Structures are given as C-alpha cells and as structure tokens.
Amino acid sequence: MSSLKAVIKLLTVVLMGFLLSGCLQTMKFARVDNRNDLRFTEWVKRDGSVAKSYYELQVDGNWFEAERKNGVWGLSEMGRMDYQQKLLGTSSGGSGGGCGS
C-alpha cells in the first residue's frame, strides 16, 4: 500500500511540474508490426502539433526507446542506457520525451 502512495505522490509531482511549466502534453501510442511489445509514441502539444515521436520496445515490463537496424528491432543507444540504469536501480525505466525534447 505504501508503494501505491509513493507512485501517486510521484505522479502528482510530475503532473504539477508539467502544469507549472505550461508544458502539459498528451501521449499517443500506436502498435507497430502487430506486436504488443513494440509501439510508436508521440508527445502531442495542446495545439495538436507533435513535440517528439519515437519507437519504444517493452523489456522486462518497462518501455525503452527503440530503433530498427537491418530489419531487426532493438533498443536504441538511449534505450540501452535507460535499461542499464533500470538494472542498476537508478532509474524508474522507460524513455522520456516532453517539453523541448
């Protein structure tokens, strides 16, 4: 139960940060190649324009930035760095985006 409270607090802080920065965005996801572990992510601004878009691959239950090389999907350099941080316990996992990214 305490972990749920921690998650709620974290989400509240993140949302408040977005609101205070005037940078609230919507995330849109679309499956890629009919795979459940691969998605295309877009950060959409209030005016409907796309601020950032990238692919994500689900590894160990978390989403990390991905890319396709030579026809094979895998983690991008940033995705590998985020995954390594997750393994070391220094990250909550998942790739980022957001304002000005």
N, C-alpha and C. Protein backbone atom coordinates (compact mmCIF):
# COMPACT_ATOMS: atom_id res chain seq x y z
N MET A 1 0.82 -1.19 0.00
CA MET A 1 0.00 0.00 0.00
C MET A 1 0.87 1.25 0.00
N SER A 2 2.00 1.21 0.71
CA SER A 2 2.87 2.39 0.74
C SER A 2 3.49 2.67 -0.62
N SER A 3 3.72 1.61 -1.41
CA SER A 3 4.28 1.83 -2.75
C SER A 3 3.25 2.52 -3.64
N LEU A 4 1.98 2.21 -3.45
CA LEU A 4 0.93 2.87 -4.22
C LEU A 4 0.88 4.35 -3.87
N LYS A 5 1.01 4.67 -2.61
CA LYS A 5 1.03 6.08 -2.19
C LYS A 5 2.23 6.80 -2.78
N ALA A 6 3.38 6.13 -2.82
CA ALA A 6 4.58 6.73 -3.40
C ALA A 6 4.39 7.00 -4.89
N VAL A 7 3.77 6.07 -5.58
CA VAL A 7 3.52 6.25 -7.02
C VAL A 7 2.56 7.42 -7.24
N ILE A 8 1.52 7.50 -6.44
CA ILE A 8 0.56 8.60 -6.57
C ILE A 8 1.24 9.94 -6.30
N LYS A 9 2.09 9.99 -5.29
CA LYS A 9 2.81 11.22 -4.99
C LYS A 9 3.73 11.61 -6.14
N LEU A 10 4.44 10.62 -6.69
CA LEU A 10 5.35 10.89 -7.81
C LEU A 10 4.58 11.42 -9.02
N LEU A 11 3.46 10.78 -9.34
CA LEU A 11 2.66 11.22 -10.48
C LEU A 11 2.11 12.63 -10.25
N THR A 12 1.73 12.92 -9.03
CA THR A 12 1.23 14.26 -8.71
C THR A 12 2.32 15.30 -8.91
N VAL A 13 3.53 15.00 -8.45
CA VAL A 13 4.65 15.93 -8.59
C VAL A 13 4.97 16.15 -10.07
N VAL A 14 5.00 15.09 -10.84
CA VAL A 14 5.30 15.20 -12.27
C VAL A 14 4.22 16.02 -12.98
N LEU A 15 2.97 15.73 -12.69
CA LEU A 15 1.88 16.47 -13.31
C LEU A 15 1.94 17.94 -12.93
N MET A 16 2.19 18.23 -11.68
CA MET A 16 2.29 19.62 -11.25
C MET A 16 3.45 20.33 -11.95
N GLY A 17 4.55 19.61 -12.14
CA GLY A 17 5.69 20.19 -12.86
C GLY A 17 5.32 20.56 -14.28
N PHE A 18 4.57 19.68 -14.95
CA PHE A 18 4.12 19.98 -16.31
C PHE A 18 3.19 21.19 -16.31
N LEU A 19 2.26 21.21 -15.38
CA LEU A 19 1.30 22.31 -15.33
C LEU A 19 2.00 23.63 -15.05
N LEU A 20 2.94 23.63 -14.12
CA LEU A 20 3.64 24.85 -13.77
C LEU A 20 4.54 25.34 -14.90
N SER A 21 5.05 24.42 -15.69
CA SER A 21 5.92 24.83 -16.79
C SER A 21 5.11 25.20 -18.04
N GLY A 22 3.81 25.02 -17.98
CA GLY A 22 2.97 25.32 -19.14
C GLY A 22 3.21 24.35 -20.27
N CYS A 23 3.53 23.13 -19.93
CA CYS A 23 4.01 22.18 -20.91
C CYS A 23 3.23 20.87 -20.89
N LEU A 24 1.98 20.91 -20.54
CA LEU A 24 1.18 19.69 -20.49
C LEU A 24 1.00 19.16 -21.91
N GLN A 25 1.31 17.90 -22.08
CA GLN A 25 1.21 17.28 -23.40
C GLN A 25 0.46 15.97 -23.28
N THR A 26 -0.01 15.48 -24.40
CA THR A 26 -0.71 14.21 -24.47
C THR A 26 0.20 13.21 -25.16
N MET A 27 0.21 12.00 -24.64
CA MET A 27 0.97 10.94 -25.29
C MET A 27 0.01 10.07 -26.08
N LYS A 28 0.39 9.76 -27.32
CA LYS A 28 -0.39 8.86 -28.17
C LYS A 28 0.49 7.67 -28.50
N PHE A 29 -0.12 6.48 -28.46
CA PHE A 29 0.61 5.25 -28.75
C PHE A 29 -0.05 4.51 -29.90
N ALA A 30 0.76 3.86 -30.72
CA ALA A 30 0.25 3.01 -31.79
C ALA A 30 1.13 1.76 -31.87
N ARG A 31 0.50 0.60 -31.92
CA ARG A 31 1.26 -0.64 -32.06
C ARG A 31 1.98 -0.66 -33.40
N VAL A 32 3.11 -1.32 -33.43
CA VAL A 32 3.92 -1.42 -34.64
C VAL A 32 4.06 -2.90 -35.00
N ASP A 33 3.92 -3.20 -36.27
CA ASP A 33 4.08 -4.57 -36.79
C ASP A 33 3.21 -5.58 -36.05
N ASN A 34 2.03 -5.15 -35.56
CA ASN A 34 1.11 -6.03 -34.82
C ASN A 34 1.77 -6.71 -33.62
N ARG A 35 2.73 -6.03 -33.01
CA ARG A 35 3.42 -6.57 -31.83
C ARG A 35 2.94 -5.83 -30.58
N ASN A 36 2.75 -6.57 -29.51
CA ASN A 36 2.34 -5.96 -28.25
C ASN A 36 3.52 -5.35 -27.50
N ASP A 37 4.74 -5.72 -27.88
CA ASP A 37 5.92 -5.21 -27.17
C ASP A 37 6.62 -4.08 -27.92
N LEU A 38 5.98 -3.56 -28.96
CA LEU A 38 6.59 -2.50 -29.76
C LEU A 38 5.52 -1.45 -30.07
N ARG A 39 5.85 -0.18 -29.81
CA ARG A 39 4.89 0.88 -30.07
C ARG A 39 5.57 2.14 -30.57
N PHE A 40 4.78 2.94 -31.29
CA PHE A 40 5.21 4.25 -31.75
C PHE A 40 4.58 5.26 -30.80
N THR A 41 5.38 6.14 -30.24
CA THR A 41 4.92 7.10 -29.24
C THR A 41 5.06 8.52 -29.77
N GLU A 42 4.02 9.31 -29.56
CA GLU A 42 4.06 10.72 -29.93
C GLU A 42 3.67 11.56 -28.72
N TRP A 43 4.42 12.63 -28.48
CA TRP A 43 4.06 13.64 -27.49
C TRP A 43 3.37 14.75 -28.27
N VAL A 44 2.09 14.99 -28.00
CA VAL A 44 1.31 15.96 -28.73
C VAL A 44 1.07 17.19 -27.85
N LYS A 45 1.40 18.36 -28.38
CA LYS A 45 1.19 19.61 -27.66
C LYS A 45 -0.28 19.99 -27.65
N ARG A 46 -0.61 20.97 -26.86
CA ARG A 46 -2.00 21.45 -26.78
C ARG A 46 -2.53 21.88 -28.14
N ASP A 47 -1.67 22.46 -28.98
CA ASP A 47 -2.12 22.94 -30.29
C ASP A 47 -2.24 21.82 -31.32
N GLY A 48 -1.95 20.57 -30.92
CA GLY A 48 -2.09 19.43 -31.81
C GLY A 48 -0.83 19.06 -32.56
N SER A 49 0.21 19.89 -32.48
CA SER A 49 1.46 19.56 -33.16
C SER A 49 2.25 18.53 -32.34
N VAL A 50 3.06 17.77 -33.01
CA VAL A 50 3.85 16.72 -32.36
C VAL A 50 5.17 17.31 -31.88
N ALA A 51 5.43 17.21 -30.58
CA ALA A 51 6.66 17.73 -29.99
C ALA A 51 7.81 16.74 -30.17
N LYS A 52 7.50 15.46 -30.06
CA LYS A 52 8.53 14.42 -30.19
C LYS A 52 7.85 13.11 -30.52
N SER A 53 8.50 12.31 -31.32
CA SER A 53 7.99 10.97 -31.62
C SER A 53 9.16 10.00 -31.66
N TYR A 54 8.89 8.78 -31.24
CA TYR A 54 9.94 7.76 -31.19
C TYR A 54 9.28 6.39 -31.01
N TYR A 55 10.06 5.35 -31.22
CA TYR A 55 9.59 3.98 -31.01
C TYR A 55 10.01 3.52 -29.62
N GLU A 56 9.21 2.63 -29.05
CA GLU A 56 9.54 2.04 -27.75
C GLU A 56 9.35 0.54 -27.80
N LEU A 57 10.25 -0.17 -27.11
CA LEU A 57 10.22 -1.62 -27.00
C LEU A 57 10.05 -1.97 -25.53
N GLN A 58 9.16 -2.91 -25.25
CA GLN A 58 8.93 -3.30 -23.86
C GLN A 58 9.91 -4.41 -23.49
N VAL A 59 10.69 -4.15 -22.43
CA VAL A 59 11.67 -5.11 -21.93
C VAL A 59 11.46 -5.23 -20.42
N ASP A 60 11.28 -6.44 -19.94
CA ASP A 60 11.08 -6.68 -18.51
C ASP A 60 9.96 -5.82 -17.93
N GLY A 61 8.90 -5.60 -18.70
CA GLY A 61 7.74 -4.87 -18.22
C GLY A 61 7.84 -3.35 -18.31
N ASN A 62 8.94 -2.82 -18.78
CA ASN A 62 9.13 -1.37 -18.92
C ASN A 62 9.37 -1.02 -20.38
N TRP A 63 9.03 0.21 -20.74
CA TRP A 63 9.18 0.69 -22.11
C TRP A 63 10.46 1.49 -22.24
N PHE A 64 11.25 1.17 -23.28
CA PHE A 64 12.51 1.85 -23.55
C PHE A 64 12.57 2.24 -25.02
N GLU A 65 13.28 3.33 -25.31
CA GLU A 65 13.39 3.83 -26.68
C GLU A 65 14.01 2.76 -27.58
N ALA A 66 13.44 2.59 -28.77
CA ALA A 66 13.87 1.53 -29.68
C ALA A 66 14.17 2.08 -31.07
N GLU A 67 14.81 1.25 -31.86
CA GLU A 67 15.09 1.58 -33.26
C GLU A 67 15.15 0.29 -34.06
N ARG A 68 15.07 0.44 -35.36
CA ARG A 68 15.16 -0.72 -36.26
C ARG A 68 16.43 -0.61 -37.06
N LYS A 69 17.28 -1.62 -36.95
CA LYS A 69 18.53 -1.66 -37.71
C LYS A 69 18.59 -2.98 -38.47
N ASN A 70 18.87 -2.86 -39.76
CA ASN A 70 18.97 -4.04 -40.62
C ASN A 70 17.75 -4.95 -40.49
N GLY A 71 16.57 -4.32 -40.34
CA GLY A 71 15.32 -5.07 -40.27
C GLY A 71 15.01 -5.68 -38.92
N VAL A 72 15.84 -5.41 -37.91
CA VAL A 72 15.65 -6.01 -36.58
C VAL A 72 15.40 -4.90 -35.56
N TRP A 73 14.33 -5.05 -34.77
CA TRP A 73 14.03 -4.08 -33.72
C TRP A 73 14.86 -4.36 -32.48
N GLY A 74 15.35 -3.31 -31.87
CA GLY A 74 16.12 -3.42 -30.64
C GLY A 74 16.17 -2.07 -29.95
N LEU A 75 16.81 -2.02 -28.81
CA LEU A 75 16.91 -0.77 -28.07
C LEU A 75 17.86 0.18 -28.76
N SER A 76 17.50 1.46 -28.76
CA SER A 76 18.39 2.49 -29.28
C SER A 76 19.49 2.72 -28.24
N GLU A 77 20.45 3.56 -28.56
CA GLU A 77 21.51 3.87 -27.60
C GLU A 77 20.92 4.42 -26.30
N MET A 78 19.96 5.35 -26.43
CA MET A 78 19.31 5.91 -25.23
C MET A 78 18.53 4.83 -24.49
N GLY A 79 17.85 3.97 -25.23
CA GLY A 79 17.11 2.87 -24.62
C GLY A 79 18.01 1.92 -23.84
N ARG A 80 19.19 1.63 -24.41
CA ARG A 80 20.15 0.76 -23.71
C ARG A 80 20.65 1.43 -22.43
N MET A 81 20.90 2.73 -22.49
CA MET A 81 21.37 3.44 -21.30
C MET A 81 20.29 3.44 -20.22
N ASP A 82 19.04 3.70 -20.61
CA ASP A 82 17.93 3.68 -19.66
C ASP A 82 17.75 2.28 -19.06
N TYR A 83 17.88 1.25 -19.90
CA TYR A 83 17.74 -0.13 -19.43
C TYR A 83 18.84 -0.47 -18.43
N GLN A 84 20.07 -0.08 -18.73
CA GLN A 84 21.18 -0.32 -17.80
C GLN A 84 20.94 0.38 -16.46
N GLN A 85 20.45 1.62 -16.51
CA GLN A 85 20.14 2.34 -15.27
C GLN A 85 19.05 1.62 -14.50
N LYS A 86 18.07 1.07 -15.20
CA LYS A 86 16.99 0.32 -14.55
C LYS A 86 17.57 -0.91 -13.86
N LEU A 87 18.48 -1.60 -14.52
CA LEU A 87 19.10 -2.79 -13.93
C LEU A 87 19.90 -2.45 -12.68
N LEU A 88 20.53 -1.28 -12.70
CA LEU A 88 21.32 -0.84 -11.56
C LEU A 88 20.47 -0.21 -10.46
N GLY A 89 19.19 -0.02 -10.75
CA GLY A 89 18.29 0.55 -9.76
C GLY A 89 18.33 2.05 -9.65
N THR A 90 18.88 2.73 -10.67
CA THR A 90 18.98 4.18 -10.61
C THR A 90 17.96 4.88 -11.50
N SER A 91 17.01 4.14 -12.06
CA SER A 91 16.01 4.73 -12.94
C SER A 91 14.70 4.02 -12.76
N SER A 92 13.61 4.70 -13.05
CA SER A 92 12.29 4.08 -12.96
C SER A 92 11.92 3.37 -14.26
N GLY A 93 12.77 3.47 -15.27
CA GLY A 93 12.54 2.80 -16.54
C GLY A 93 11.74 3.64 -17.50
N GLY A 94 11.83 3.29 -18.73
CA GLY A 94 11.09 3.99 -19.76
C GLY A 94 11.87 5.17 -20.31
N SER A 95 11.62 5.42 -21.56
CA SER A 95 12.32 6.54 -22.16
C SER A 95 11.50 7.79 -22.03
N GLY A 96 12.13 8.89 -22.22
CA GLY A 96 11.46 10.15 -21.96
C GLY A 96 11.10 10.89 -23.21
N GLY A 97 10.63 12.01 -23.00
CA GLY A 97 10.22 12.92 -24.03
C GLY A 97 9.82 14.15 -23.28
N GLY A 98 9.01 14.92 -23.86
CA GLY A 98 8.49 16.04 -23.10
C GLY A 98 8.84 17.36 -23.73
N CYS A 99 8.69 18.39 -22.96
CA CYS A 99 8.84 19.75 -23.45
C CYS A 99 10.26 20.00 -23.96
N GLY A 100 10.33 20.49 -25.15
CA GLY A 100 11.61 20.85 -25.72
C GLY A 100 12.49 19.69 -26.07
N SER A 101 11.98 18.47 -25.95
CA SER A 101 12.81 17.29 -26.25
C SER A 101 12.84 17.03 -27.72
